[in-house]
Amino acid sequence: MGSSSEILTGREPAAPGLTRLMRAAVELATRAPSVHNTQPWRWRIEDDRVELHADRNRQLTQTDPDGRDLMISCGCALHHLDVAVAGMGLGTTIERFPDPENRDHLATVRIRSDRPDRAESALFSAIGRRRTDRRPYGPGTVAPASITALVARAHRRGAGLHPVVHADARARLDAVLADAADAQRHQPGYVAELLTWTRRYAGSHDGVPPASIPNRPPYQRDAWNRFPPGRLATPLRHLSDDGMLVAVTTEDDGGLARLVAGEATSAILLAATRAGLASAPLSQALELPQTRDRLARNALHIPDHPQMVVRIGHPPDDTELPETPRRPLSAVLMAPR
């Protein structure tokens, strides 16, 4: 592939090995978390680059009318791709929103044969191990060094991370989460959409299956799990949750900021997995303008825009959580130009 500093450019056909690598990297990128596991992305592989496009056919019309969740989900996939390529020993150059005439063309990732970003390649092994753990978390606080490392990960992708560590701030944030849950339950069409994506047909390659949703006693209520009871067992000794919450924020609130917030969310989730921590992204409080504003002003006391809340803690046991289904590569690839 040339010297170690050469950038793979030109219109000559890519070497077969590079094409296989890019396909493998995209397949790993599709392991990224997305709202209700909708996987709202499409990819195009060219000679020296990979394009990421939004799939508007998979936007949740009731849950996500403004496309915020979709954009953050695609940002998670973009970061997963960056990590995948770095883990395979190559570098990347990312151009976000490269086409002013096509805002659904979210990013172009050019593959370079120089040294990969070591900080990103360190997360490579976490891609296959990361799961969204919706169970109550086990006892014990997250170490301050781990929190500091997660803050640094978010900053590397251009976002802020605000740990909610004080009891009064956590109470205010829990209240916002609970109010968002109540408001959405009364929103026409929301519950039907939720059930559509948590009760998928047999053999579906998307959605959140019951095996990934906790089955808790009916008296157990929480503000951080919007899904109906599933089949994932929760140890009775962990019916209370000892996890902590962190908020991903950006200075702006446009499409680019949301994409970057998704990249930061992916970095946080993969870094938490690498550290042996359980994690789960929580978007519900950000899906309503009124609770999003309360989250910034009353719970976090920040001028920035909150984009995602992430729950982090110690796993309640050593159970290996099942993988959630993924669409085959053939379903998400676009034809080359």
C-alpha atoms as a PDB file:
ATOM      1  CA  MET A   1       0.000   0.000   0.000  1.00  0.00           C
ATOM      2  CA  GLY A   2       2.968   2.327  -0.295  1.00  0.00           C
ATOM      3  CA  SER A   3       4.970   4.129   2.348  1.00  0.00           C
ATOM      4  CA  SER A   4       3.701   4.400   5.891  1.00  0.00           C
ATOM      5  CA  SER A   5       2.802   8.072   5.444  1.00  0.00           C
ATOM      6  CA  GLU A   6       1.073   7.768   2.073  1.00  0.00           C
ATOM      7  CA  ILE A   7      -2.577   8.786   1.856  1.00  0.00           C
ATOM      8  CA  LEU A   8      -4.624   6.453  -0.313  1.00  0.00           C
ATOM      9  CA  THR A   9      -5.894   8.785  -3.005  1.00  0.00           C
ATOM     10  CA  GLY A  10      -6.620   8.688  -6.708  1.00  0.00           C
ATOM     11  CA  ARG A  11      -9.266   6.919  -8.711  1.00  0.00           C
ATOM     12  CA  GLU A  12      -7.404   3.675  -9.345  1.00  0.00           C
ATOM     13  CA  PRO A  13      -9.362   0.660  -8.124  1.00  0.00           C
ATOM     14  CA  ALA A  14      -8.574  -0.245  -4.537  1.00  0.00           C
ATOM     15  CA  ALA A  15      -6.528  -3.350  -3.889  1.00  0.00           C
ATOM     16  CA  PRO A  16      -8.719  -6.350  -3.053  1.00  0.00           C
ATOM     17  CA  GLY A  17      -7.249  -6.475   0.448  1.00  0.00           C
ATOM     18  CA  LEU A  18      -8.201  -2.877   1.142  1.00  0.00           C
ATOM     19  CA  THR A  19     -11.745  -3.450  -0.090  1.00  0.00           C
ATOM     20  CA  ARG A  20     -12.106  -6.449   2.204  1.00  0.00           C
ATOM     21  CA  LEU A  21     -10.744  -4.401   5.089  1.00  0.00           C
ATOM     22  CA  MET A  22     -13.223  -1.594   4.479  1.00  0.00           C
ATOM     23  CA  ARG A  23     -16.110  -4.053   4.306  1.00  0.00           C
ATOM     24  CA  ALA A  24     -14.966  -5.639   7.563  1.00  0.00           C
ATOM     25  CA  ALA A  25     -14.678  -2.206   9.175  1.00  0.00           C
ATOM     26  CA  VAL A  26     -18.194  -1.242   8.095  1.00  0.00           C
ATOM     27  CA  GLU A  27     -19.535  -4.523   9.448  1.00  0.00           C
ATOM     28  CA  LEU A  28     -17.971  -3.711  12.828  1.00  0.00           C
ATOM     29  CA  ALA A  29     -19.365  -0.173  12.629  1.00  0.00           C
ATOM     30  CA  THR A  30     -22.875  -1.616  12.371  1.00  0.00           C
ATOM     31  CA  ARG A  31     -22.374  -2.995  15.892  1.00  0.00           C
ATOM     32  CA  ALA A  32     -22.862   0.559  17.171  1.00  0.00           C
ATOM     33  CA  PRO A  33     -25.839   1.260  19.425  1.00  0.00           C
ATOM     34  CA  SER A  34     -28.809   3.090  17.937  1.00  0.00           C
ATOM     35  CA  VAL A  35     -32.164   4.258  19.231  1.00  0.00           C
ATOM     36  CA  HIS A  36     -34.360   1.145  19.625  1.00  0.00           C
ATOM     37  CA  ASN A  37     -31.698  -0.652  17.546  1.00  0.00           C
ATOM     38  CA  THR A  38     -33.176   0.873  14.395  1.00  0.00           C
ATOM     39  CA  GLN A  39     -29.707   1.042  12.755  1.00  0.00           C
ATOM     40  CA  PRO A  40     -30.649   4.172  10.737  1.00  0.00           C
ATOM     41  CA  TRP A  41     -27.577   4.268   8.501  1.00  0.00           C
ATOM     42  CA  ARG A  42     -26.379   3.376   5.047  1.00  0.00           C
ATOM     43  CA  TRP A  43     -22.813   3.026   3.811  1.00  0.00           C
ATOM     44  CA  ARG A  44     -21.025   3.380   0.496  1.00  0.00           C
ATOM     45  CA  ILE A  45     -17.555   1.886  -0.025  1.00  0.00           C
ATOM     46  CA  GLU A  46     -15.411   3.523  -2.688  1.00  0.00           C
ATOM     47  CA  ASP A  47     -11.798   2.959  -3.733  1.00  0.00           C
ATOM     48  CA  ASP A  48     -10.152   4.788  -0.842  1.00  0.00           C
ATOM     49  CA  ARG A  49     -12.997   5.820   1.412  1.00  0.00           C
ATOM     50  CA  VAL A  50     -16.229   4.946   3.185  1.00  0.00           C
ATOM     51  CA  GLU A  51     -19.288   7.198   3.137  1.00  0.00           C
ATOM     52  CA  LEU A  52     -21.879   7.306   5.916  1.00  0.00           C
ATOM     53  CA  HIS A  53     -25.450   8.283   5.002  1.00  0.00           C
ATOM     54  CA  ALA A  54     -28.571   8.689   7.124  1.00  0.00           C
ATOM     55  CA  ASP A  55     -31.418   6.269   6.403  1.00  0.00           C
ATOM     56  CA  ARG A  56     -34.511   8.422   6.897  1.00  0.00           C
ATOM     57  CA  ASN A  57     -36.774   5.423   6.317  1.00  0.00           C
ATOM     58  CA  ARG A  58     -35.683   4.256   9.773  1.00  0.00           C
ATOM     59  CA  GLN A  59     -36.364   7.469  11.631  1.00  0.00           C
ATOM     60  CA  LEU A  60     -38.820   7.053  14.517  1.00  0.00           C
ATOM     61  CA  THR A  61     -41.610   9.484  13.677  1.00  0.00           C
ATOM     62  CA  GLN A  62     -43.170   9.574  17.169  1.00  0.00           C
ATOM     63  CA  THR A  63     -40.082   9.152  19.336  1.00  0.00           C
ATOM     64  CA  ASP A  64     -37.668  11.199  17.232  1.00  0.00           C
ATOM     65  CA  PRO A  65     -39.581  13.661  15.027  1.00  0.00           C
ATOM     66  CA  ASP A  66     -36.638  16.054  14.609  1.00  0.00           C
ATOM     67  CA  GLY A  67     -34.087  13.332  13.847  1.00  0.00           C
ATOM     68  CA  ARG A  68     -31.905  13.998  16.906  1.00  0.00           C
ATOM     69  CA  ASP A  69     -31.730  10.336  17.909  1.00  0.00           C
ATOM     70  CA  LEU A  70     -31.049   9.323  14.315  1.00  0.00           C
ATOM     71  CA  MET A  71     -28.111  11.714  14.041  1.00  0.00           C
ATOM     72  CA  ILE A  72     -26.611  10.636  17.354  1.00  0.00           C
ATOM     73  CA  SER A  73     -27.032   6.982  16.385  1.00  0.00           C
ATOM     74  CA  CYS A  74     -25.157   7.636  13.130  1.00  0.00           C
ATOM     75  CA  GLY A  75     -22.442   9.449  15.087  1.00  0.00           C
ATOM     76  CA  CYS A  76     -21.994   6.310  17.198  1.00  0.00           C
ATOM     77  CA  ALA A  77     -21.575   4.265  14.028  1.00  0.00           C
ATOM     78  CA  LEU A  78     -19.076   6.779  12.632  1.00  0.00           C
ATOM     79  CA  HIS A  79     -16.893   6.456  15.725  1.00  0.00           C
ATOM     80  CA  HIS A  80     -17.196   2.670  15.650  1.00  0.00           C
ATOM     81  CA  LEU A  81     -15.903   2.787  12.067  1.00  0.00           C
ATOM     82  CA  ASP A  82     -12.977   4.978  13.123  1.00  0.00           C
ATOM     83  CA  VAL A  83     -12.099   2.531  15.905  1.00  0.00           C
ATOM     84  CA  ALA A  84     -12.462  -0.455  13.580  1.00  0.00           C
ATOM     85  CA  VAL A  85     -10.074   0.998  10.993  1.00  0.00           C
ATOM     86  CA  ALA A  86      -7.591   1.999  13.709  1.00  0.00           C
ATOM     87  CA  GLY A  87      -7.754  -1.511  15.164  1.00  0.00           C
ATOM     88  CA  MET A  88      -6.861  -2.876  11.734  1.00  0.00           C
ATOM     89  CA  GLY A  89      -3.694  -0.782  11.686  1.00  0.00           C
ATOM     90  CA  LEU A  90      -4.696   2.139   9.448  1.00  0.00           C
ATOM     91  CA  GLY A  91      -5.412   5.819   9.910  1.00  0.00           C
ATOM     92  CA  THR A  92      -8.422   7.881   8.891  1.00  0.00           C
ATOM     93  CA  THR A  93      -9.366  11.386   7.867  1.00  0.00           C
ATOM     94  CA  ILE A  94     -13.002  12.273   8.557  1.00  0.00           C
ATOM     95  CA  GLU A  95     -14.906  14.943   6.655  1.00  0.00           C
ATOM     96  CA  ARG A  96     -18.318  15.578   8.195  1.00  0.00           C
ATOM     97  CA  PHE A  97     -21.195  16.830   6.020  1.00  0.00           C
ATOM     98  CA  PRO A  98     -19.024  16.958   2.896  1.00  0.00           C
ATOM     99  CA  ASP A  99     -21.885  17.696   0.484  1.00  0.00           C
ATOM    100  CA  PRO A 100     -23.900  20.902   1.130  1.00  0.00           C
ATOM    101  CA  GLU A 101     -26.523  19.677  -1.340  1.00  0.00           C
ATOM    102  CA  ASN A 102     -27.067  16.385   0.488  1.00  0.00           C
ATOM    103  CA  ARG A 103     -27.379  16.720   4.257  1.00  0.00           C
ATOM    104  CA  ASP A 104     -28.020  12.999   4.598  1.00  0.00           C
ATOM    105  CA  HIS A 105     -24.424  12.395   3.479  1.00  0.00           C
ATOM    106  CA  LEU A 106     -23.105  12.641   7.025  1.00  0.00           C
ATOM    107  CA  ALA A 107     -19.432  11.832   6.635  1.00  0.00           C
ATOM    108  CA  THR A 108     -16.703  10.623   4.310  1.00  0.00           C
ATOM    109  CA  VAL A 109     -13.945   8.613   5.973  1.00  0.00           C
ATOM    110  CA  ARG A 110     -10.746   8.372   3.928  1.00  0.00           C
ATOM    111  CA  ILE A 111      -8.485   5.450   4.711  1.00  0.00           C
ATOM    112  CA  ARG A 112      -4.791   6.190   5.160  1.00  0.00           C
ATOM    113  CA  SER A 113      -1.882   3.794   5.408  1.00  0.00           C
ATOM    114  CA  ASP A 114      -0.080   5.745   8.112  1.00  0.00           C
ATOM    115  CA  ARG A 115      -0.076   4.813  11.766  1.00  0.00           C
ATOM    116  CA  PRO A 116      -3.482   4.532  13.419  1.00  0.00           C
ATOM    117  CA  ASP A 117      -4.675   6.609  16.328  1.00  0.00           C
ATOM    118  CA  ARG A 118      -3.528   4.555  19.313  1.00  0.00           C
ATOM    119  CA  ALA A 119      -6.207   5.932  21.603  1.00  0.00           C
ATOM    120  CA  GLU A 120      -8.907   4.742  19.205  1.00  0.00           C
ATOM    121  CA  SER A 121      -7.258   1.409  18.380  1.00  0.00           C
ATOM    122  CA  ALA A 122      -7.189   0.635  22.115  1.00  0.00           C
ATOM    123  CA  LEU A 123     -10.990   0.440  21.990  1.00  0.00           C
ATOM    124  CA  PHE A 124     -11.064  -2.072  19.125  1.00  0.00           C
ATOM    125  CA  SER A 125     -11.603  -5.191  21.247  1.00  0.00           C
ATOM    126  CA  ALA A 126     -14.521  -3.526  23.061  1.00  0.00           C
ATOM    127  CA  ILE A 127     -16.666  -3.357  19.909  1.00  0.00           C
ATOM    128  CA  GLY A 128     -17.587  -7.029  20.051  1.00  0.00           C
ATOM    129  CA  ARG A 129     -18.032  -7.071  23.838  1.00  0.00           C
ATOM    130  CA  ARG A 130     -20.127  -3.933  24.326  1.00  0.00           C
ATOM    131  CA  ARG A 131     -23.760  -4.465  25.271  1.00  0.00           C
ATOM    132  CA  THR A 132     -26.464  -2.086  26.419  1.00  0.00           C
ATOM    133  CA  ASP A 133     -27.083  -3.320  29.963  1.00  0.00           C
ATOM    134  CA  ARG A 134     -30.560  -2.216  31.061  1.00  0.00           C
ATOM    135  CA  ARG A 135     -30.485  -4.062  34.394  1.00  0.00           C
ATOM    136  CA  PRO A 136     -29.991  -2.331  37.748  1.00  0.00           C
ATOM    137  CA  TYR A 137     -26.253  -2.107  38.369  1.00  0.00           C
ATOM    138  CA  GLY A 138     -24.327  -3.648  41.228  1.00  0.00           C
ATOM    139  CA  PRO A 139     -22.978  -1.929  44.335  1.00  0.00           C
ATOM    140  CA  GLY A 140     -19.918   0.256  44.358  1.00  0.00           C
ATOM    141  CA  THR A 141     -19.121   3.667  42.932  1.00  0.00           C
ATOM    142  CA  VAL A 142     -17.314   4.182  39.653  1.00  0.00           C
ATOM    143  CA  ALA A 143     -13.688   5.082  40.366  1.00  0.00           C
ATOM    144  CA  PRO A 144     -12.849   8.788  39.904  1.00  0.00           C
ATOM    145  CA  ALA A 145      -9.996   7.825  37.558  1.00  0.00           C
ATOM    146  CA  SER A 146     -12.485   6.014  35.322  1.00  0.00           C
ATOM    147  CA  ILE A 147     -14.753   9.063  35.225  1.00  0.00           C
ATOM    148  CA  THR A 148     -11.806  11.302  34.350  1.00  0.00           C
ATOM    149  CA  ALA A 149     -10.866   8.951  31.512  1.00  0.00           C
ATOM    150  CA  LEU A 150     -14.413   9.045  30.134  1.00  0.00           C
ATOM    151  CA  VAL A 151     -14.439  12.852  30.251  1.00  0.00           C
ATOM    152  CA  ALA A 152     -11.203  12.864  28.253  1.00  0.00           C
ATOM    153  CA  ARG A 153     -12.708  10.467  25.710  1.00  0.00           C
ATOM    154  CA  ALA A 154     -15.654  12.792  25.121  1.00  0.00           C
ATOM    155  CA  HIS A 155     -13.361  15.806  24.753  1.00  0.00           C
ATOM    156  CA  ARG A 156     -11.282  14.011  22.116  1.00  0.00           C
ATOM    157  CA  ARG A 157     -14.402  13.803  19.941  1.00  0.00           C
ATOM    158  CA  GLY A 158     -15.371  17.440  20.495  1.00  0.00           C
ATOM    159  CA  ALA A 159     -18.048  17.039  23.188  1.00  0.00           C
ATOM    160  CA  GLY A 160     -18.352  17.663  26.895  1.00  0.00           C
ATOM    161  CA  LEU A 161     -19.168  15.112  29.578  1.00  0.00           C
ATOM    162  CA  HIS A 162     -20.812  16.101  32.853  1.00  0.00           C
ATOM    163  CA  PRO A 163     -20.849  13.454  35.612  1.00  0.00           C
ATOM    164  CA  VAL A 164     -23.836  13.781  37.946  1.00  0.00           C
ATOM    165  CA  VAL A 165     -22.223  12.981  41.289  1.00  0.00           C
ATOM    166  CA  HIS A 166     -24.156  14.952  43.917  1.00  0.00           C
ATOM    167  CA  ALA A 167     -27.348  13.511  45.389  1.00  0.00           C
ATOM    168  CA  ASP A 168     -29.446  16.638  44.800  1.00  0.00           C
ATOM    169  CA  ALA A 169     -28.361  16.879  41.152  1.00  0.00           C
ATOM    170  CA  ARG A 170     -29.121  13.186  40.678  1.00  0.00           C
ATOM    171  CA  ALA A 171     -32.570  13.673  42.183  1.00  0.00           C
ATOM    172  CA  ARG A 172     -33.289  16.529  39.769  1.00  0.00           C
ATOM    173  CA  LEU A 173     -32.071  14.481  36.829  1.00  0.00           C
ATOM    174  CA  ASP A 174     -34.158  11.472  37.889  1.00  0.00           C
ATOM    175  CA  ALA A 175     -37.184  13.760  38.070  1.00  0.00           C
ATOM    176  CA  VAL A 176     -36.565  14.959  34.503  1.00  0.00           C
ATOM    177  CA  LEU A 177     -36.238  11.367  33.293  1.00  0.00           C
ATOM    178  CA  ALA A 178     -39.475  10.393  35.030  1.00  0.00           C
ATOM    179  CA  ASP A 179     -41.357  13.377  33.608  1.00  0.00           C
ATOM    180  CA  ALA A 180     -40.128  12.564  30.103  1.00  0.00           C
ATOM    181  CA  ALA A 181     -41.344   8.987  30.496  1.00  0.00           C
ATOM    182  CA  ASP A 182     -44.781  10.139  31.672  1.00  0.00           C
ATOM    183  CA  ALA A 183     -45.103  12.712  28.889  1.00  0.00           C
ATOM    184  CA  GLN A 184     -44.185  10.251  26.152  1.00  0.00           C
ATOM    185  CA  ARG A 185     -46.549   7.579  27.442  1.00  0.00           C
ATOM    186  CA  HIS A 186     -49.421  10.003  26.785  1.00  0.00           C
ATOM    187  CA  GLN A 187     -48.146  11.051  23.382  1.00  0.00           C
ATOM    188  CA  PRO A 188     -50.313   9.669  20.554  1.00  0.00           C
ATOM    189  CA  GLY A 189     -48.575   6.873  18.687  1.00  0.00           C
ATOM    190  CA  TYR A 190     -45.547   6.692  20.983  1.00  0.00           C
ATOM    191  CA  VAL A 191     -46.431   3.475  22.813  1.00  0.00           C
ATOM    192  CA  ALA A 192     -47.368   1.737  19.572  1.00  0.00           C
ATOM    193  CA  GLU A 193     -44.005   2.703  18.071  1.00  0.00           C
ATOM    194  CA  LEU A 194     -42.197   1.490  21.188  1.00  0.00           C
ATOM    195  CA  LEU A 195     -43.947  -1.881  21.023  1.00  0.00           C
ATOM    196  CA  THR A 196     -43.177  -2.148  17.317  1.00  0.00           C
ATOM    197  CA  TRP A 197     -39.449  -2.036  18.037  1.00  0.00           C
ATOM    198  CA  THR A 198     -39.484  -4.227  21.158  1.00  0.00           C
ATOM    199  CA  ARG A 199     -41.770  -6.940  19.812  1.00  0.00           C
ATOM    200  CA  ARG A 200     -40.239  -7.588  16.398  1.00  0.00           C
ATOM    201  CA  TYR A 201     -41.244 -10.454  14.160  1.00  0.00           C
ATOM    202  CA  ALA A 202     -39.281 -13.718  14.297  1.00  0.00           C
ATOM    203  CA  GLY A 203     -35.996 -13.505  12.435  1.00  0.00           C
ATOM    204  CA  SER A 204     -35.888  -9.722  12.497  1.00  0.00           C
ATOM    205  CA  HIS A 205     -32.447  -8.153  12.205  1.00  0.00           C
ATOM    206  CA  ASP A 206     -33.272  -5.033  14.212  1.00  0.00           C
ATOM    207  CA  GLY A 207     -35.168  -3.849  17.269  1.00  0.00           C
ATOM    208  CA  VAL A 208     -34.634  -4.709  20.932  1.00  0.00           C
ATOM    209  CA  PRO A 209     -35.546  -8.351  21.645  1.00  0.00           C
ATOM    210  CA  PRO A 210     -37.120  -9.417  24.968  1.00  0.00           C
ATOM    211  CA  ALA A 211     -33.901 -11.319  25.827  1.00  0.00           C
ATOM    212  CA  SER A 212     -32.149  -7.928  26.141  1.00  0.00           C
ATOM    213  CA  ILE A 213     -34.816  -6.303  28.340  1.00  0.00           C
ATOM    214  CA  PRO A 214     -34.944  -6.961  32.101  1.00  0.00           C
ATOM    215  CA  ASN A 215     -37.826  -8.955  33.524  1.00  0.00           C
ATOM    216  CA  ARG A 216     -38.383  -7.366  36.908  1.00  0.00           C
ATOM    217  CA  PRO A 217     -41.257  -7.665  39.395  1.00  0.00           C
ATOM    218  CA  PRO A 218     -44.114  -5.306  38.482  1.00  0.00           C
ATOM    219  CA  TYR A 219     -43.552  -3.130  41.549  1.00  0.00           C
ATOM    220  CA  GLN A 220     -40.043  -2.232  40.401  1.00  0.00           C
ATOM    221  CA  ARG A 221     -40.289   1.157  38.668  1.00  0.00           C
ATOM    222  CA  ASP A 222     -37.421   3.207  37.342  1.00  0.00           C
ATOM    223  CA  ALA A 223     -37.001   6.262  35.187  1.00  0.00           C
ATOM    224  CA  TRP A 224     -34.203   4.881  33.061  1.00  0.00           C
ATOM    225  CA  ASN A 225     -35.894   1.904  31.384  1.00  0.00           C
ATOM    226  CA  ARG A 226     -38.711   2.789  29.006  1.00  0.00           C
ATOM    227  CA  PHE A 227     -39.238  -0.724  27.646  1.00  0.00           C
ATOM    228  CA  PRO A 228     -41.943  -3.213  28.678  1.00  0.00           C
ATOM    229  CA  PRO A 229     -40.717  -6.208  30.732  1.00  0.00           C
ATOM    230  CA  GLY A 230     -38.655  -8.743  28.820  1.00  0.00           C
ATOM    231  CA  ARG A 231     -36.914 -12.026  29.628  1.00  0.00           C
ATOM    232  CA  LEU A 232     -33.532 -10.896  30.955  1.00  0.00           C
ATOM    233  CA  ALA A 233     -33.228 -12.088  34.559  1.00  0.00           C
ATOM    234  CA  THR A 234     -32.139  -9.584  37.202  1.00  0.00           C
ATOM    235  CA  PRO A 235     -30.635 -10.839  40.504  1.00  0.00           C
ATOM    236  CA  LEU A 236     -33.095 -10.069  43.287  1.00  0.00           C
ATOM    237  CA  ARG A 237     -30.305  -8.551  45.382  1.00  0.00           C
ATOM    238  CA  HIS A 238     -29.932  -5.835  42.744  1.00  0.00           C
ATOM    239  CA  LEU A 239     -33.438  -4.438  42.511  1.00  0.00           C
ATOM    240  CA  SER A 240     -32.027  -1.051  43.497  1.00  0.00           C
ATOM    241  CA  ASP A 241     -29.578   0.634  41.164  1.00  0.00           C
ATOM    242  CA  ASP A 242     -26.122   1.877  42.151  1.00  0.00           C
ATOM    243  CA  GLY A 243     -25.136   3.207  38.752  1.00  0.00           C
ATOM    244  CA  MET A 244     -24.238   6.820  38.009  1.00  0.00           C
ATOM    245  CA  LEU A 245     -25.373   9.132  35.232  1.00  0.00           C
ATOM    246  CA  VAL A 246     -23.275  11.290  32.935  1.00  0.00           C
ATOM    247  CA  ALA A 247     -24.497  13.765  30.320  1.00  0.00           C
ATOM    248  CA  VAL A 248     -22.916  14.291  26.901  1.00  0.00           C
ATOM    249  CA  THR A 249     -23.134  17.946  25.863  1.00  0.00           C
ATOM    250  CA  THR A 250     -22.187  20.205  22.963  1.00  0.00           C
ATOM    251  CA  GLU A 251     -21.857  23.968  22.603  1.00  0.00           C
ATOM    252  CA  ASP A 252     -24.209  24.029  19.596  1.00  0.00           C
ATOM    253  CA  ASP A 253     -27.311  22.049  18.706  1.00  0.00           C
ATOM    254  CA  GLY A 254     -27.199  21.603  14.939  1.00  0.00           C
ATOM    255  CA  GLY A 255     -26.700  18.469  12.912  1.00  0.00           C
ATOM    256  CA  LEU A 256     -22.919  18.555  13.253  1.00  0.00           C
ATOM    257  CA  ALA A 257     -23.138  18.884  17.040  1.00  0.00           C
ATOM    258  CA  ARG A 258     -25.483  15.915  17.245  1.00  0.00           C
ATOM    259  CA  LEU A 259     -23.226  13.812  15.037  1.00  0.00           C
ATOM    260  CA  VAL A 260     -20.238  14.685  17.240  1.00  0.00           C
ATOM    261  CA  ALA A 261     -22.282  13.879  20.347  1.00  0.00           C
ATOM    262  CA  GLY A 262     -22.908  10.431  18.899  1.00  0.00           C
ATOM    263  CA  GLU A 263     -19.187   9.946  18.319  1.00  0.00           C
ATOM    264  CA  ALA A 264     -18.500  10.931  21.921  1.00  0.00           C
ATOM    265  CA  THR A 265     -21.241   8.617  23.181  1.00  0.00           C
ATOM    266  CA  SER A 266     -19.671   5.710  21.303  1.00  0.00           C
ATOM    267  CA  ALA A 267     -16.247   6.547  22.750  1.00  0.00           C
ATOM    268  CA  ILE A 268     -17.679   6.607  26.281  1.00  0.00           C
ATOM    269  CA  LEU A 269     -19.518   3.304  25.865  1.00  0.00           C
ATOM    270  CA  LEU A 270     -16.521   1.505  24.379  1.00  0.00           C
ATOM    271  CA  ALA A 271     -14.149   2.926  26.998  1.00  0.00           C
ATOM    272  CA  ALA A 272     -16.531   1.849  29.767  1.00  0.00           C
ATOM    273  CA  THR A 273     -16.683  -1.651  28.296  1.00  0.00           C
ATOM    274  CA  ARG A 274     -12.888  -1.799  28.121  1.00  0.00           C
ATOM    275  CA  ALA A 275     -12.770  -0.822  31.811  1.00  0.00           C
ATOM    276  CA  GLY A 276     -15.167  -3.622  32.772  1.00  0.00           C
ATOM    277  CA  LEU A 277     -18.102  -1.312  33.427  1.00  0.00           C
ATOM    278  CA  ALA A 278     -21.725  -1.726  32.379  1.00  0.00           C
ATOM    279  CA  SER A 279     -23.346   1.064  30.393  1.00  0.00           C
ATOM    280  CA  ALA A 280     -26.570   2.118  28.713  1.00  0.00           C
ATOM    281  CA  PRO A 281     -27.406   5.248  26.680  1.00  0.00           C
ATOM    282  CA  LEU A 282     -30.600   7.047  27.735  1.00  0.00           C
ATOM    283  CA  SER A 283     -32.111   9.388  25.154  1.00  0.00           C
ATOM    284  CA  GLN A 284     -35.641   9.782  26.485  1.00  0.00           C
ATOM    285  CA  ALA A 285     -35.168  13.069  28.343  1.00  0.00           C
ATOM    286  CA  LEU A 286     -33.583  14.603  25.220  1.00  0.00           C
ATOM    287  CA  GLU A 287     -36.465  13.729  22.900  1.00  0.00           C
ATOM    288  CA  LEU A 288     -38.832  16.373  24.292  1.00  0.00           C
ATOM    289  CA  PRO A 289     -37.971  20.093  24.122  1.00  0.00           C
ATOM    290  CA  GLN A 290     -39.356  20.826  27.583  1.00  0.00           C
ATOM    291  CA  THR A 291     -37.443  18.099  29.408  1.00  0.00           C
ATOM    292  CA  ARG A 292     -34.291  18.775  27.370  1.00  0.00           C
ATOM    293  CA  ASP A 293     -34.388  22.388  28.526  1.00  0.00           C
ATOM    294  CA  ARG A 294     -35.004  21.377  32.146  1.00  0.00           C
ATOM    295  CA  LEU A 295     -32.113  18.944  31.977  1.00  0.00           C
ATOM    296  CA  ALA A 296     -29.717  21.727  30.968  1.00  0.00           C
ATOM    297  CA  ARG A 297     -31.028  24.475  33.235  1.00  0.00           C
ATOM    298  CA  ASN A 298     -32.317  22.735  36.363  1.00  0.00           C
ATOM    299  CA  ALA A 299     -30.414  19.458  36.613  1.00  0.00           C
ATOM    300  CA  LEU A 300     -27.006  20.217  35.088  1.00  0.00           C
ATOM    301  CA  HIS A 301     -26.914  24.031  35.423  1.00  0.00           C
ATOM    302  CA  ILE A 302     -25.006  24.440  32.168  1.00  0.00           C
ATOM    303  CA  PRO A 303     -25.349  26.755  29.139  1.00  0.00           C
ATOM    304  CA  ASP A 304     -24.472  23.933  26.738  1.00  0.00           C
ATOM    305  CA  HIS A 305     -26.886  21.592  24.984  1.00  0.00           C
ATOM    306  CA  PRO A 306     -27.330  18.118  26.498  1.00  0.00           C
ATOM    307  CA  GLN A 307     -27.449  15.459  23.784  1.00  0.00           C
ATOM    308  CA  MET A 308     -27.375  12.130  25.634  1.00  0.00           C
ATOM    309  CA  VAL A 309     -27.469  10.717  29.135  1.00  0.00           C
ATOM    310  CA  VAL A 310     -25.411   7.587  29.786  1.00  0.00           C
ATOM    311  CA  ARG A 311     -25.827   5.276  32.762  1.00  0.00           C
ATOM    312  CA  ILE A 312     -22.576   3.675  33.961  1.00  0.00           C
ATOM    313  CA  GLY A 313     -21.858   1.269  36.787  1.00  0.00           C
ATOM    314  CA  HIS A 314     -20.706  -2.166  37.816  1.00  0.00           C
ATOM    315  CA  PRO A 315     -22.480  -5.152  36.236  1.00  0.00           C
ATOM    316  CA  PRO A 316     -24.830  -6.893  38.693  1.00  0.00           C
ATOM    317  CA  ASP A 317     -23.277 -10.292  37.905  1.00  0.00           C
ATOM    318  CA  ASP A 318     -21.051 -12.116  35.427  1.00  0.00           C
ATOM    319  CA  THR A 319     -23.858 -12.962  33.011  1.00  0.00           C
ATOM    320  CA  GLU A 320     -22.843 -12.516  29.376  1.00  0.00           C
ATOM    321  CA  LEU A 321     -25.621 -10.501  27.810  1.00  0.00           C
ATOM    322  CA  PRO A 322     -26.923 -11.636  24.422  1.00  0.00           C
ATOM    323  CA  GLU A 323     -26.053  -9.784  21.251  1.00  0.00           C
ATOM    324  CA  THR A 324     -28.836  -7.730  19.755  1.00  0.00           C
ATOM    325  CA  PRO A 325     -29.612  -8.505  16.103  1.00  0.00           C
ATOM    326  CA  ARG A 326     -27.953  -6.614  13.280  1.00  0.00           C
ATOM    327  CA  ARG A 327     -28.930  -6.111   9.657  1.00  0.00           C
ATOM    328  CA  PRO A 328     -26.690  -7.916   7.182  1.00  0.00           C
ATOM    329  CA  LEU A 329     -24.074  -5.866   5.390  1.00  0.00           C
ATOM    330  CA  SER A 330     -25.921  -6.314   2.102  1.00  0.00           C
ATOM    331  CA  ALA A 331     -28.925  -4.462   3.558  1.00  0.00           C
ATOM    332  CA  VAL A 332     -26.992  -1.327   4.511  1.00  0.00           C
ATOM    333  CA  LEU A 333     -24.521  -0.968   1.622  1.00  0.00           C
ATOM    334  CA  MET A 334     -25.209   1.486  -1.199  1.00  0.00           C
ATOM    335  CA  ALA A 335     -24.006   0.837  -4.742  1.00  0.00           C
ATOM    336  CA  PRO A 336     -20.690   2.508  -5.646  1.00  0.00           C
ATOM    337  CA  ARG A 337     -20.917   5.580  -7.810  1.00  0.00           C
END
